[in-house]
Structure formats: structure tokens, C-alpha cells
Amino acid sequence: MTDCVLMLAHFSVTCALIGLIWVVQCVIYPQFSQIDRESFPAYHADYTRRISWIVAPLMLAEIGTALWLILRGDLPIIFYLSMLPLLFVWLATWFVQVPYHGKLSEAFDAQIHRALVKSNRWRTAAWSLRGACLIPCLIV
């Protein structure tokens, strides 16, 4: 795979994740509060199972292609800087979002839900920033 094709594949996966995180932030998470409390645990379990089949492969593809690009070398500095928001996304996912989802899996809690939505803003911003940082990498 040429460096150009690999970079384009990497950027495409990142863009897919940016689109997904914006849908999650603006549509999916806000709708959690609309599910009746009795049905919420089952709804949440179904949501997390289904969304994992979409998010996990994309996140693994993003980090995998990023590492592949790094191993090939000769990248603009902005690419390496773009790894900082990606690191933030991974850390926030595992140490903030996953625990909130764990609590919500037991029962809907309005305070946890607000915290989930609020903290996800940072992931949304980080992924968006990362995508913007990758644009110059396509031109080089």
C-alpha cells in the first residue's frame, strides 16, 4: 500500500469516527433520557452491544493505520501532534465513558447521563481537532 493510499485510508476512518461521535453527541446520548426508566437497562445493553460492533473496528482501524504510518516514517509534524487528541480520546473512552456506561447499564441516572453527555463533548472536540490536523497530511 502506498503512503498516499494509507494516509487516505487513515483519514477516511478518522472522518467516519468524527461523524459517528457527532451523531452520538447530538442525537443518541440526548435520547437516553427519553427512554422509560423500566426499559432503559435493556435498551442500554442493546445499544452498547450494537454500537460496539461499529465503534471498535473503526477505532482499531484508526490506531492501526496510525501506527502503520508512523512505522513507515516521513510524516509531517502535524501528524504526530494529531496523536495527542487521539490519545486523549482513547483515555477518555476507557477511563470516563466506559465507567459511565457501566453505571447506566444498571439503571438510568439523570446525573450520570448529564456527566456522560458533558464529558463526551471533550471526545467530540478532540476527534474533530484530530481530523482537522490530518488535512495538511493529505496535501503533503
Protein backbone atom coordinates (compact mmCIF):
# COMPACT_ATOMS: atom_id res chain seq x y z
CA MET A 1 0.00 0.00 0.00
CA THR A 2 1.45 3.36 -0.94
CA ASP A 3 1.89 6.04 1.70
CA CYS A 4 -0.71 8.21 -0.02
CA VAL A 5 -3.34 5.45 -0.07
CA LEU A 6 -2.57 4.54 3.54
CA MET A 7 -2.91 8.17 4.65
CA LEU A 8 -6.19 8.47 2.76
CA ALA A 9 -7.48 5.26 4.40
CA HIS A 10 -6.43 6.56 7.80
CA PHE A 11 -8.10 9.93 7.22
CA SER A 12 -11.27 8.20 6.00
CA VAL A 13 -11.52 6.09 9.15
CA THR A 14 -10.94 9.16 11.29
CA CYS A 15 -13.68 11.03 9.40
CA ALA A 16 -16.07 8.12 9.93
CA LEU A 17 -15.38 8.29 13.66
CA ILE A 18 -15.85 12.06 13.66
CA GLY A 19 -19.24 11.67 12.02
CA LEU A 20 -20.18 8.92 14.43
CA ILE A 21 -19.14 10.84 17.55
CA TRP A 22 -21.18 13.86 16.44
CA VAL A 23 -24.25 11.66 15.95
CA VAL A 24 -23.69 10.11 19.37
CA GLN A 25 -23.24 13.53 20.98
CA CYS A 26 -26.12 15.31 19.27
CA VAL A 27 -28.68 12.52 18.78
CA ILE A 28 -28.04 9.24 20.60
CA TYR A 29 -26.89 10.34 24.06
CA PRO A 30 -29.57 13.04 24.43
CA GLN A 31 -32.24 10.47 23.58
CA PHE A 32 -31.21 8.29 26.53
CA SER A 33 -33.34 10.50 28.76
CA GLN A 34 -36.41 9.77 26.61
CA ILE A 35 -36.38 6.01 27.28
CA ASP A 36 -38.74 4.97 30.07
CA ARG A 37 -36.83 4.04 33.22
CA GLU A 38 -38.11 0.48 33.33
CA SER A 39 -36.95 -0.29 29.78
CA PHE A 40 -33.69 1.63 29.99
CA PRO A 41 -31.32 -1.15 31.16
CA ALA A 42 -32.40 -3.43 28.30
CA TYR A 43 -32.26 -0.54 25.82
CA HIS A 44 -28.79 0.47 27.03
CA ALA A 45 -27.49 -3.10 26.85
CA ASP A 46 -28.76 -3.40 23.28
CA TYR A 47 -27.30 0.00 22.35
CA THR A 48 -23.84 -0.79 23.76
CA ARG A 49 -23.78 -4.21 22.08
CA ARG A 50 -24.77 -2.79 18.69
CA ILE A 51 -22.62 0.36 18.78
CA SER A 52 -19.57 -1.68 19.82
CA TRP A 53 -19.72 -3.57 16.51
CA ILE A 54 -19.36 -0.22 14.74
CA VAL A 55 -17.04 1.73 17.05
CA ALA A 56 -14.50 -0.96 17.98
CA PRO A 57 -13.42 -1.89 14.44
CA LEU A 58 -13.21 1.76 13.42
CA MET A 59 -11.16 2.74 16.48
CA LEU A 60 -8.85 -0.23 15.95
CA ALA A 61 -8.50 0.66 12.25
CA GLU A 62 -7.69 4.26 13.17
CA ILE A 63 -5.00 3.36 15.68
CA GLY A 64 -3.70 0.55 13.47
CA THR A 65 -3.31 2.73 10.39
CA ALA A 66 -1.79 5.50 12.53
CA LEU A 67 0.85 3.11 13.87
CA TRP A 68 1.46 1.74 10.37
CA LEU A 69 2.03 5.28 9.10
CA ILE A 70 4.38 6.04 11.98
CA LEU A 71 6.38 2.89 11.30
CA ARG A 72 6.72 3.90 7.65
CA GLY A 73 8.04 7.30 8.79
CA ASP A 74 8.47 10.58 6.95
CA LEU A 75 5.31 12.22 8.28
CA PRO A 76 4.70 15.91 8.84
CA ILE A 77 4.95 17.05 12.45
CA ILE A 78 1.21 17.81 12.48
CA PHE A 79 0.52 14.08 12.16
CA TYR A 80 2.49 13.37 15.33
CA LEU A 81 0.73 16.24 17.08
CA SER A 82 -2.61 14.77 15.98
CA MET A 83 -1.77 11.70 18.04
CA LEU A 84 -2.28 13.75 21.23
CA PRO A 85 -6.05 14.20 20.68
CA LEU A 86 -6.22 10.53 19.68
CA LEU A 87 -4.51 9.52 22.92
CA PHE A 88 -6.98 11.72 24.79
CA VAL A 89 -9.91 10.02 23.01
CA TRP A 90 -8.68 6.55 23.97
CA LEU A 91 -8.02 7.52 27.59
CA ALA A 92 -11.37 9.31 27.91
CA THR A 93 -13.15 6.36 26.35
CA TRP A 94 -11.72 3.79 28.75
CA PHE A 95 -11.48 5.85 31.93
CA VAL A 96 -14.53 8.12 31.64
CA GLN A 97 -17.12 6.98 29.10
CA VAL A 98 -16.92 3.23 29.74
CA PRO A 99 -17.40 3.65 33.53
CA TYR A 100 -20.38 5.97 32.95
CA HIS A 101 -21.91 3.40 30.63
CA GLY A 102 -21.26 0.77 33.28
CA LYS A 103 -23.30 2.77 35.78
CA LEU A 104 -26.06 3.45 33.26
CA SER A 105 -26.26 -0.25 32.43
CA GLU A 106 -27.69 -0.84 35.92
CA ALA A 107 -30.34 1.89 35.75
CA PHE A 108 -30.87 5.32 34.24
CA ASP A 109 -29.46 8.06 36.44
CA ALA A 110 -30.02 11.64 35.29
CA GLN A 111 -26.82 12.88 36.93
CA ILE A 112 -24.68 10.15 35.31
CA HIS A 113 -26.42 10.79 31.99
CA ARG A 114 -25.60 14.52 32.16
CA ALA A 115 -21.99 13.68 33.04
CA LEU A 116 -21.81 11.26 30.09
CA VAL A 117 -23.07 13.89 27.64
CA LYS A 118 -20.89 16.63 29.10
CA SER A 119 -17.71 14.54 29.16
CA ASN A 120 -18.35 13.28 25.63
CA ARG A 121 -18.10 16.88 24.39
CA TRP A 122 -14.37 16.64 25.02
CA ARG A 123 -14.06 13.46 22.95
CA THR A 124 -16.12 15.06 20.18
CA ALA A 125 -13.86 18.11 20.19
CA ALA A 126 -10.68 16.00 20.31
CA TRP A 127 -11.70 13.81 17.38
CA SER A 128 -12.76 16.86 15.38
CA LEU A 129 -9.43 18.56 16.11
CA ARG A 130 -7.59 15.41 15.10
CA GLY A 131 -9.42 15.30 11.78
CA ALA A 132 -8.56 18.93 11.12
CA CYS A 133 -4.91 18.20 11.90
CA LEU A 134 -4.84 15.40 9.35
CA ILE A 135 -5.99 17.57 6.43
CA PRO A 136 -2.49 19.03 5.80
CA CYS A 137 -1.11 15.47 5.84
CA LEU A 138 -3.17 14.73 2.73
CA ILE A 139 -1.67 17.66 0.85
CA VAL A 140 1.98 16.97 1.65
